Amino acid sequence: MQEEIRSLPEEVVERLKARGWHITFAESCTGGMAAAALVDVASASSVFDGSFVTYANEAKEVLLGVSHETIAAHGVVSEPVAAQMAAGAAARMKAEVGVGITGVAGPTGGTPRKPVGMVCFGFFAGGETHTFTRQFGNIGRNAVRQASVAFVYEKLMEYL
């Protein structure tokens, strides 16, 4: 009998189910793509209740509890904001795992310090928050978004 090969989102769902955990996402530049990848899995409803697409700064503050001071001090595309997005989403959805994604997908909006293709990630899991920044380069808006989602699922495999 041939062994079934699972996608990363399928494997993430299985690992969450095994722990009895739920996950939520707080997405900016990916616009819901990370949550959509999870919902592609038939049994996702057992580990996923809802998610947030918070494109505007005010939405991050109001819906996720991201501090205005953090945005002012670090910019919206920053690891501290991604961390607050992840933890805030998890708290609001009463989920054990939260993922925050904020970045510059392009083709405009980049600066020398925060160029197009720079994405910051926050992962809240098991009571701990970890952050990362990835420079995907100016590879095109949708390619940056897709690379971001792939990175999220690779990291989730490490934490679960």
N, C-alpha and C. Protein backbone atom coordinates (compact mmCIF):
# COMPACT_ATOMS: atom_id res chain seq x y z
N MET A 1 0.84 -1.18 0.00
CA MET A 1 0.00 0.00 0.00
C MET A 1 0.89 1.25 0.00
N GLN A 2 0.56 2.20 -0.86
CA GLN A 2 1.34 3.42 -0.98
C GLN A 2 1.01 4.37 0.16
N GLU A 3 2.07 4.96 0.76
CA GLU A 3 1.87 5.91 1.85
C GLU A 3 1.37 7.24 1.28
N GLU A 4 0.40 7.82 1.97
CA GLU A 4 -0.17 9.09 1.53
C GLU A 4 0.81 10.22 1.84
N ILE A 5 1.01 11.08 0.87
CA ILE A 5 1.86 12.25 1.05
C ILE A 5 0.95 13.42 1.36
N ARG A 6 1.19 14.05 2.50
CA ARG A 6 0.36 15.17 2.93
C ARG A 6 1.03 16.49 2.59
N SER A 7 0.21 17.48 2.32
CA SER A 7 0.72 18.85 2.17
C SER A 7 1.08 19.38 3.55
N LEU A 8 1.85 20.46 3.60
CA LEU A 8 2.19 21.05 4.89
C LEU A 8 0.94 21.49 5.65
N PRO A 9 -0.02 22.16 5.02
CA PRO A 9 -1.23 22.50 5.78
C PRO A 9 -1.96 21.26 6.33
N GLU A 10 -2.00 20.19 5.57
CA GLU A 10 -2.62 18.95 6.08
C GLU A 10 -1.87 18.43 7.29
N GLU A 11 -0.55 18.46 7.22
CA GLU A 11 0.26 17.99 8.35
C GLU A 11 0.08 18.90 9.56
N VAL A 12 0.00 20.20 9.35
CA VAL A 12 -0.23 21.14 10.45
C VAL A 12 -1.57 20.84 11.11
N VAL A 13 -2.61 20.62 10.33
CA VAL A 13 -3.92 20.27 10.89
C VAL A 13 -3.83 19.00 11.72
N GLU A 14 -3.16 18.00 11.23
CA GLU A 14 -3.03 16.74 11.97
C GLU A 14 -2.28 16.95 13.29
N ARG A 15 -1.22 17.73 13.24
CA ARG A 15 -0.44 17.98 14.46
C ARG A 15 -1.24 18.80 15.48
N LEU A 16 -2.00 19.77 15.00
CA LEU A 16 -2.86 20.54 15.90
C LEU A 16 -3.91 19.64 16.53
N LYS A 17 -4.53 18.79 15.73
CA LYS A 17 -5.55 17.86 16.23
C LYS A 17 -4.96 16.95 17.30
N ALA A 18 -3.75 16.46 17.08
CA ALA A 18 -3.10 15.56 18.03
C ALA A 18 -2.88 16.25 19.38
N ARG A 19 -2.65 17.55 19.37
CA ARG A 19 -2.43 18.31 20.62
C ARG A 19 -3.72 18.87 21.20
N GLY A 20 -4.80 18.83 20.43
CA GLY A 20 -6.04 19.45 20.88
C GLY A 20 -5.97 20.96 20.84
N TRP A 21 -5.16 21.50 19.94
CA TRP A 21 -4.94 22.94 19.83
C TRP A 21 -5.73 23.54 18.67
N HIS A 22 -5.95 24.85 18.77
CA HIS A 22 -6.55 25.64 17.70
C HIS A 22 -5.55 26.68 17.22
N ILE A 23 -5.72 27.11 15.98
CA ILE A 23 -4.82 28.09 15.37
C ILE A 23 -5.64 29.25 14.81
N THR A 24 -5.05 30.41 14.78
CA THR A 24 -5.63 31.57 14.12
C THR A 24 -4.52 32.36 13.44
N PHE A 25 -4.90 33.18 12.49
CA PHE A 25 -3.94 33.97 11.73
C PHE A 25 -4.32 35.45 11.81
N ALA A 26 -3.31 36.31 11.84
CA ALA A 26 -3.48 37.75 11.71
C ALA A 26 -2.63 38.15 10.52
N GLU A 27 -3.30 38.41 9.41
CA GLU A 27 -2.58 38.62 8.15
C GLU A 27 -2.76 40.05 7.65
N SER A 28 -1.67 40.59 7.15
CA SER A 28 -1.74 41.88 6.49
C SER A 28 -1.42 41.66 5.01
N CYS A 29 -0.15 41.60 4.64
CA CYS A 29 0.21 41.53 3.22
C CYS A 29 -0.27 40.26 2.53
N THR A 30 -0.50 39.20 3.26
CA THR A 30 -0.97 37.95 2.64
C THR A 30 -2.48 37.93 2.46
N GLY A 31 -3.20 38.85 3.06
CA GLY A 31 -4.61 39.03 2.81
C GLY A 31 -5.49 37.81 2.99
N GLY A 32 -5.12 36.92 3.89
CA GLY A 32 -5.95 35.75 4.15
C GLY A 32 -5.46 34.47 3.48
N MET A 33 -4.36 34.54 2.77
CA MET A 33 -3.87 33.36 2.05
C MET A 33 -3.43 32.23 2.99
N ALA A 34 -2.85 32.57 4.14
CA ALA A 34 -2.39 31.54 5.07
C ALA A 34 -3.59 30.79 5.65
N ALA A 35 -4.64 31.53 6.03
CA ALA A 35 -5.85 30.89 6.53
C ALA A 35 -6.52 30.08 5.44
N ALA A 36 -6.53 30.60 4.22
CA ALA A 36 -7.14 29.87 3.10
C ALA A 36 -6.45 28.54 2.85
N ALA A 37 -5.12 28.52 3.00
CA ALA A 37 -4.39 27.26 2.80
C ALA A 37 -4.81 26.22 3.84
N LEU A 38 -5.07 26.69 5.06
CA LEU A 38 -5.52 25.77 6.10
C LEU A 38 -6.93 25.28 5.81
N VAL A 39 -7.79 26.18 5.37
CA VAL A 39 -9.18 25.83 5.11
C VAL A 39 -9.30 24.90 3.90
N ASP A 40 -8.28 24.83 3.07
CA ASP A 40 -8.27 23.86 1.97
C ASP A 40 -8.28 22.42 2.50
N VAL A 41 -7.88 22.24 3.76
CA VAL A 41 -7.84 20.91 4.38
C VAL A 41 -9.24 20.59 4.91
N ALA A 42 -9.77 19.44 4.52
CA ALA A 42 -11.16 19.09 4.83
C ALA A 42 -11.47 19.13 6.33
N SER A 43 -10.55 18.74 7.17
CA SER A 43 -10.82 18.67 8.61
C SER A 43 -10.34 19.91 9.37
N ALA A 44 -10.10 21.01 8.67
CA ALA A 44 -9.58 22.22 9.30
C ALA A 44 -10.52 22.75 10.38
N SER A 45 -11.81 22.51 10.24
CA SER A 45 -12.77 23.06 11.21
C SER A 45 -12.54 22.53 12.62
N SER A 46 -11.82 21.44 12.75
CA SER A 46 -11.55 20.90 14.08
C SER A 46 -10.44 21.66 14.81
N VAL A 47 -9.70 22.53 14.07
CA VAL A 47 -8.59 23.26 14.69
C VAL A 47 -8.62 24.75 14.39
N PHE A 48 -9.64 25.20 13.66
CA PHE A 48 -9.67 26.59 13.18
C PHE A 48 -11.08 27.14 13.31
N ASP A 49 -11.19 28.26 14.07
CA ASP A 49 -12.48 28.91 14.26
C ASP A 49 -12.61 30.23 13.51
N GLY A 50 -11.51 30.91 13.29
CA GLY A 50 -11.57 32.20 12.63
C GLY A 50 -10.20 32.81 12.50
N SER A 51 -10.16 33.93 11.79
CA SER A 51 -8.90 34.57 11.46
C SER A 51 -9.13 36.05 11.24
N PHE A 52 -8.05 36.80 11.06
CA PHE A 52 -8.11 38.24 10.88
C PHE A 52 -7.29 38.66 9.66
N VAL A 53 -7.86 39.52 8.84
CA VAL A 53 -7.10 40.21 7.81
C VAL A 53 -7.13 41.68 8.21
N THR A 54 -5.98 42.14 8.68
CA THR A 54 -5.88 43.50 9.22
C THR A 54 -4.86 44.27 8.38
N TYR A 55 -5.35 44.86 7.33
CA TYR A 55 -4.48 45.55 6.39
C TYR A 55 -4.08 46.93 6.91
N ALA A 56 -5.01 47.65 7.47
CA ALA A 56 -4.74 49.00 7.97
C ALA A 56 -4.18 48.95 9.38
N ASN A 57 -3.38 49.95 9.73
CA ASN A 57 -2.81 50.04 11.07
C ASN A 57 -3.92 50.06 12.13
N GLU A 58 -4.97 50.84 11.87
CA GLU A 58 -6.06 50.94 12.84
C GLU A 58 -6.71 49.58 13.08
N ALA A 59 -6.85 48.78 12.04
CA ALA A 59 -7.43 47.44 12.21
C ALA A 59 -6.53 46.58 13.09
N LYS A 60 -5.23 46.71 12.94
CA LYS A 60 -4.30 45.95 13.78
C LYS A 60 -4.46 46.35 15.25
N GLU A 61 -4.63 47.65 15.47
CA GLU A 61 -4.78 48.15 16.83
C GLU A 61 -6.12 47.73 17.44
N VAL A 62 -7.21 47.97 16.71
CA VAL A 62 -8.55 47.74 17.25
C VAL A 62 -8.87 46.24 17.36
N LEU A 63 -8.58 45.48 16.32
CA LEU A 63 -8.98 44.07 16.30
C LEU A 63 -8.00 43.14 17.01
N LEU A 64 -6.71 43.50 17.00
CA LEU A 64 -5.69 42.60 17.54
C LEU A 64 -5.01 43.13 18.80
N GLY A 65 -5.23 44.39 19.12
CA GLY A 65 -4.58 44.96 20.29
C GLY A 65 -3.13 45.34 20.07
N VAL A 66 -2.72 45.51 18.82
CA VAL A 66 -1.36 45.97 18.56
C VAL A 66 -1.25 47.40 19.10
N SER A 67 -0.20 47.66 19.81
CA SER A 67 0.02 48.96 20.44
C SER A 67 0.37 50.03 19.40
N HIS A 68 -0.31 51.16 19.49
CA HIS A 68 0.00 52.30 18.62
C HIS A 68 1.46 52.71 18.82
N GLU A 69 1.93 52.64 20.06
CA GLU A 69 3.31 53.00 20.37
C GLU A 69 4.30 52.05 19.68
N THR A 70 3.96 50.78 19.60
CA THR A 70 4.84 49.82 18.92
C THR A 70 4.92 50.14 17.44
N ILE A 71 3.78 50.44 16.83
CA ILE A 71 3.78 50.81 15.41
C ILE A 71 4.59 52.09 15.21
N ALA A 72 4.40 53.08 16.07
CA ALA A 72 5.12 54.35 15.95
C ALA A 72 6.63 54.15 16.11
N ALA A 73 7.02 53.29 17.03
CA ALA A 73 8.45 53.09 17.32
C ALA A 73 9.16 52.22 16.30
N HIS A 74 8.47 51.21 15.77
CA HIS A 74 9.14 50.22 14.92
C HIS A 74 8.64 50.19 13.48
N GLY A 75 7.49 50.79 13.24
CA GLY A 75 6.87 50.69 11.93
C GLY A 75 5.98 49.46 11.88
N VAL A 76 5.00 49.52 11.01
CA VAL A 76 4.03 48.42 10.94
C VAL A 76 4.68 47.14 10.42
N VAL A 77 5.68 47.27 9.56
CA VAL A 77 6.41 46.10 9.08
C VAL A 77 7.62 45.92 10.00
N SER A 78 7.40 45.14 11.05
CA SER A 78 8.44 44.93 12.05
C SER A 78 8.13 43.67 12.85
N GLU A 79 9.15 43.10 13.42
CA GLU A 79 8.95 41.91 14.25
C GLU A 79 8.11 42.21 15.49
N PRO A 80 8.31 43.36 16.18
CA PRO A 80 7.44 43.62 17.34
C PRO A 80 5.95 43.68 16.97
N VAL A 81 5.63 44.25 15.83
CA VAL A 81 4.23 44.30 15.41
C VAL A 81 3.74 42.90 15.05
N ALA A 82 4.55 42.13 14.33
CA ALA A 82 4.16 40.76 13.98
C ALA A 82 3.91 39.93 15.23
N ALA A 83 4.74 40.12 16.25
CA ALA A 83 4.58 39.38 17.51
C ALA A 83 3.26 39.76 18.18
N GLN A 84 2.96 41.06 18.23
CA GLN A 84 1.71 41.49 18.85
C GLN A 84 0.51 41.03 18.03
N MET A 85 0.64 40.98 16.73
CA MET A 85 -0.45 40.47 15.88
C MET A 85 -0.73 39.01 16.22
N ALA A 86 0.33 38.20 16.31
CA ALA A 86 0.16 36.77 16.59
C ALA A 86 -0.46 36.53 17.95
N ALA A 87 0.09 37.19 18.97
CA ALA A 87 -0.41 36.99 20.33
C ALA A 87 -1.82 37.56 20.49
N GLY A 88 -2.07 38.71 19.86
CA GLY A 88 -3.39 39.32 19.95
C GLY A 88 -4.46 38.48 19.28
N ALA A 89 -4.15 37.93 18.12
CA ALA A 89 -5.11 37.07 17.43
C ALA A 89 -5.41 35.83 18.26
N ALA A 90 -4.35 35.22 18.80
CA ALA A 90 -4.54 34.01 19.62
C ALA A 90 -5.41 34.31 20.83
N ALA A 91 -5.16 35.43 21.49
CA ALA A 91 -5.94 35.80 22.67
C ALA A 91 -7.40 36.02 22.32
N ARG A 92 -7.65 36.74 21.24
CA ARG A 92 -9.02 37.04 20.87
C ARG A 92 -9.79 35.82 20.41
N MET A 93 -9.12 34.87 19.78
CA MET A 93 -9.80 33.66 19.30
C MET A 93 -9.68 32.50 20.30
N LYS A 94 -9.01 32.75 21.44
CA LYS A 94 -8.78 31.71 22.44
C LYS A 94 -8.12 30.47 21.80
N ALA A 95 -7.12 30.76 20.97
CA ALA A 95 -6.37 29.72 20.27
C ALA A 95 -5.00 29.55 20.92
N GLU A 96 -4.49 28.35 20.87
CA GLU A 96 -3.16 28.08 21.43
C GLU A 96 -2.04 28.53 20.49
N VAL A 97 -2.38 28.71 19.21
CA VAL A 97 -1.39 29.09 18.21
C VAL A 97 -1.91 30.30 17.44
N GLY A 98 -1.05 31.31 17.31
CA GLY A 98 -1.37 32.49 16.51
C GLY A 98 -0.21 32.82 15.61
N VAL A 99 -0.53 33.25 14.40
CA VAL A 99 0.49 33.62 13.42
C VAL A 99 0.21 35.05 12.98
N GLY A 100 1.23 35.91 13.01
CA GLY A 100 1.13 37.28 12.53
C GLY A 100 2.04 37.48 11.33
N ILE A 101 1.50 38.13 10.29
CA ILE A 101 2.26 38.35 9.06
C ILE A 101 2.06 39.80 8.63
N THR A 102 3.17 40.54 8.47
CA THR A 102 3.10 41.92 8.01
C THR A 102 4.32 42.19 7.14
N GLY A 103 4.10 42.80 5.99
CA GLY A 103 5.22 43.02 5.10
C GLY A 103 4.92 43.95 3.96
N VAL A 104 5.90 44.06 3.06
CA VAL A 104 5.80 44.90 1.88
C VAL A 104 5.81 43.96 0.67
N ALA A 105 4.63 43.65 0.16
CA ALA A 105 4.54 42.73 -0.97
C ALA A 105 4.88 43.40 -2.29
N GLY A 106 4.69 44.72 -2.37
CA GLY A 106 5.04 45.45 -3.57
C GLY A 106 3.86 45.59 -4.51
N PRO A 107 4.04 46.12 -5.65
CA PRO A 107 5.32 46.53 -6.22
C PRO A 107 5.84 47.86 -5.68
N THR A 108 4.99 48.59 -4.93
CA THR A 108 5.44 49.85 -4.34
C THR A 108 5.41 49.73 -2.83
N GLY A 109 5.83 50.78 -2.16
CA GLY A 109 5.75 50.82 -0.71
C GLY A 109 7.05 50.52 0.00
N GLY A 110 8.04 50.07 -0.72
CA GLY A 110 9.32 49.75 -0.10
C GLY A 110 10.14 51.00 0.19
N THR A 111 11.05 50.86 1.14
CA THR A 111 12.01 51.91 1.48
C THR A 111 13.38 51.25 1.56
N PRO A 112 14.44 52.04 1.63
CA PRO A 112 15.76 51.41 1.77
C PRO A 112 15.87 50.49 3.01
N ARG A 113 15.21 50.88 4.11
CA ARG A 113 15.26 50.06 5.32
C ARG A 113 14.29 48.89 5.27
N LYS A 114 13.20 49.07 4.55
CA LYS A 114 12.16 48.04 4.45
C LYS A 114 11.76 47.89 2.99
N PRO A 115 12.60 47.16 2.24
CA PRO A 115 12.38 47.08 0.79
C PRO A 115 11.21 46.16 0.43
N VAL A 116 10.76 46.30 -0.81
CA VAL A 116 9.74 45.39 -1.33
C VAL A 116 10.26 43.96 -1.15
N GLY A 117 9.39 43.11 -0.66
CA GLY A 117 9.76 41.71 -0.43
C GLY A 117 10.13 41.40 1.01
N MET A 118 10.18 42.42 1.87
CA MET A 118 10.49 42.20 3.29
C MET A 118 9.19 41.86 4.03
N VAL A 119 9.20 40.74 4.73
CA VAL A 119 8.02 40.31 5.48
C VAL A 119 8.46 39.90 6.88
N CYS A 120 7.69 40.34 7.88
CA CYS A 120 7.96 40.00 9.27
C CYS A 120 6.87 39.04 9.76
N PHE A 121 7.28 38.08 10.55
CA PHE A 121 6.40 37.02 11.03
C PHE A 121 6.47 36.91 12.54
N GLY A 122 5.33 36.68 13.15
CA GLY A 122 5.26 36.37 14.57
C GLY A 122 4.55 35.03 14.74
N PHE A 123 5.08 34.19 15.58
CA PHE A 123 4.48 32.89 15.88
C PHE A 123 4.28 32.78 17.39
N PHE A 124 3.04 32.66 17.80
CA PHE A 124 2.71 32.45 19.21
C PHE A 124 2.26 31.00 19.33
N ALA A 125 2.98 30.22 20.11
CA ALA A 125 2.64 28.81 20.27
C ALA A 125 3.13 28.34 21.63
N GLY A 126 2.26 27.65 22.33
CA GLY A 126 2.65 27.11 23.62
C GLY A 126 3.07 28.17 24.62
N GLY A 127 2.48 29.37 24.51
CA GLY A 127 2.79 30.45 25.44
C GLY A 127 4.04 31.24 25.11
N GLU A 128 4.74 30.90 24.03
CA GLU A 128 5.96 31.62 23.64
C GLU A 128 5.76 32.27 22.29
N THR A 129 6.43 33.41 22.10
CA THR A 129 6.37 34.10 20.82
C THR A 129 7.76 34.14 20.19
N HIS A 130 7.80 33.81 18.91
CA HIS A 130 9.05 33.87 18.15
C HIS A 130 8.80 34.73 16.92
N THR A 131 9.82 35.48 16.51
CA THR A 131 9.67 36.35 15.36
C THR A 131 10.80 36.12 14.35
N PHE A 132 10.48 36.44 13.12
CA PHE A 132 11.43 36.28 12.01
C PHE A 132 11.17 37.37 11.00
N THR A 133 12.21 37.73 10.27
CA THR A 133 12.08 38.61 9.11
C THR A 133 12.71 37.90 7.93
N ARG A 134 12.01 37.93 6.82
CA ARG A 134 12.53 37.33 5.59
C ARG A 134 12.51 38.37 4.49
N GLN A 135 13.59 38.37 3.70
CA GLN A 135 13.70 39.22 2.53
C GLN A 135 13.51 38.32 1.31
N PHE A 136 12.34 38.36 0.74
CA PHE A 136 12.07 37.53 -0.43
C PHE A 136 12.51 38.20 -1.72
N GLY A 137 12.79 39.50 -1.64
CA GLY A 137 13.21 40.26 -2.81
C GLY A 137 12.01 40.74 -3.61
N ASN A 138 12.30 41.55 -4.60
CA ASN A 138 11.25 42.12 -5.45
C ASN A 138 10.90 41.10 -6.53
N ILE A 139 10.23 40.03 -6.11
CA ILE A 139 9.91 38.90 -6.99
C ILE A 139 8.49 38.96 -7.53
N GLY A 140 7.79 40.03 -7.22
CA GLY A 140 6.40 40.18 -7.63
C GLY A 140 5.49 40.03 -6.44
N ARG A 141 4.44 40.81 -6.43
CA ARG A 141 3.51 40.86 -5.30
C ARG A 141 2.99 39.49 -4.88
N ASN A 142 2.43 38.75 -5.82
CA ASN A 142 1.84 37.47 -5.46
C ASN A 142 2.90 36.43 -5.10
N ALA A 143 4.08 36.53 -5.70
CA ALA A 143 5.16 35.61 -5.34
C ALA A 143 5.62 35.86 -3.90
N VAL A 144 5.68 37.12 -3.49
CA VAL A 144 6.03 37.45 -2.10
C VAL A 144 4.98 36.86 -1.16
N ARG A 145 3.73 37.03 -1.51
CA ARG A 145 2.64 36.52 -0.67
C ARG A 145 2.70 34.99 -0.58
N GLN A 146 2.91 34.34 -1.71
CA GLN A 146 2.99 32.87 -1.71
C GLN A 146 4.20 32.37 -0.93
N ALA A 147 5.33 33.04 -1.09
CA ALA A 147 6.53 32.65 -0.35
C ALA A 147 6.32 32.83 1.15
N SER A 148 5.58 33.87 1.52
CA SER A 148 5.28 34.11 2.93
C SER A 148 4.45 32.97 3.52
N VAL A 149 3.43 32.54 2.80
CA VAL A 149 2.58 31.45 3.27
C VAL A 149 3.39 30.16 3.38
N ALA A 150 4.24 29.89 2.40
CA ALA A 150 5.08 28.70 2.47
C ALA A 150 5.98 28.74 3.70
N PHE A 151 6.56 29.92 3.98
CA PHE A 151 7.41 30.07 5.16
C PHE A 151 6.63 29.80 6.44
N VAL A 152 5.41 30.32 6.51
CA VAL A 152 4.56 30.12 7.69
C VAL A 152 4.37 28.63 7.96
N TYR A 153 4.03 27.87 6.95
CA TYR A 153 3.76 26.45 7.17
C TYR A 153 5.03 25.66 7.48
N GLU A 154 6.16 26.07 6.91
CA GLU A 154 7.43 25.42 7.26
C GLU A 154 7.75 25.66 8.74
N LYS A 155 7.55 26.91 9.20
CA LYS A 155 7.82 27.22 10.61
C LYS A 155 6.83 26.52 11.54
N LEU A 156 5.56 26.46 11.15
CA LEU A 156 4.58 25.77 11.99
C LEU A 156 4.96 24.31 12.19
N MET A 157 5.54 23.70 11.19
CA MET A 157 5.99 22.31 11.33
C MET A 157 7.07 22.19 12.41
N GLU A 158 7.88 23.22 12.56
CA GLU A 158 8.92 23.21 13.60
C GLU A 158 8.30 23.34 15.00
N TYR A 159 7.25 24.17 15.12
CA TYR A 159 6.66 24.45 16.43
C TYR A 159 5.64 23.41 16.87
N LEU A 160 5.16 22.63 15.95
CA LEU A 160 4.15 21.64 16.29
C LEU A 160 4.76 20.25 16.25
